Amino acid sequence: QVQPVESGGGLVQAGGSLRLSCAASGRTFSGYDMGWFRQAPGKERALVAGISGSGGSTYYADSVKGRFTISRDNAKNTVYLQMNSLKPEDTAVYYCAASPRAGGYRLVVVQAWNYWGQGTQVTVSS
């Protein structure tokens, strides 16, 4: 079992960058695929990026490909989301999640992810 805790959100101008961090408690962090979801007002929560337990495989939503990079440091029980070239439409609450399922890192359904953080707000001004 892991408990994710996000940090690093904030307000940034369009074209700027932010790095989100997610620290997860638990001794078996590398056994979980990790992902970043986001939810804007009035919209469903959607998978933005996912990474396998080893870090060897990643998934990106089309809307963020080439701009966002997910990575993890298993020695620090932490997963990161580097967000560059931010756009106003990236504004949302960003959630870190963990999945124990093989191939979980690319599962877009919310129900496939067992553990969630409390979320961190990212606001991109135009």
Foldseek 3Di string as FASTA:
>chain_A
DKAWAKDWADEEAAQAKTKMKIAIDDDPLLLKKKFKWWDDPPGDIWTAKIAHSVRPDMDGDPVQPPFWDWGDDVVRRMIMIIGGRDDQVVWTWMKMFIANDVVLRPDTDPVRTDYIYPTDTHGYHD
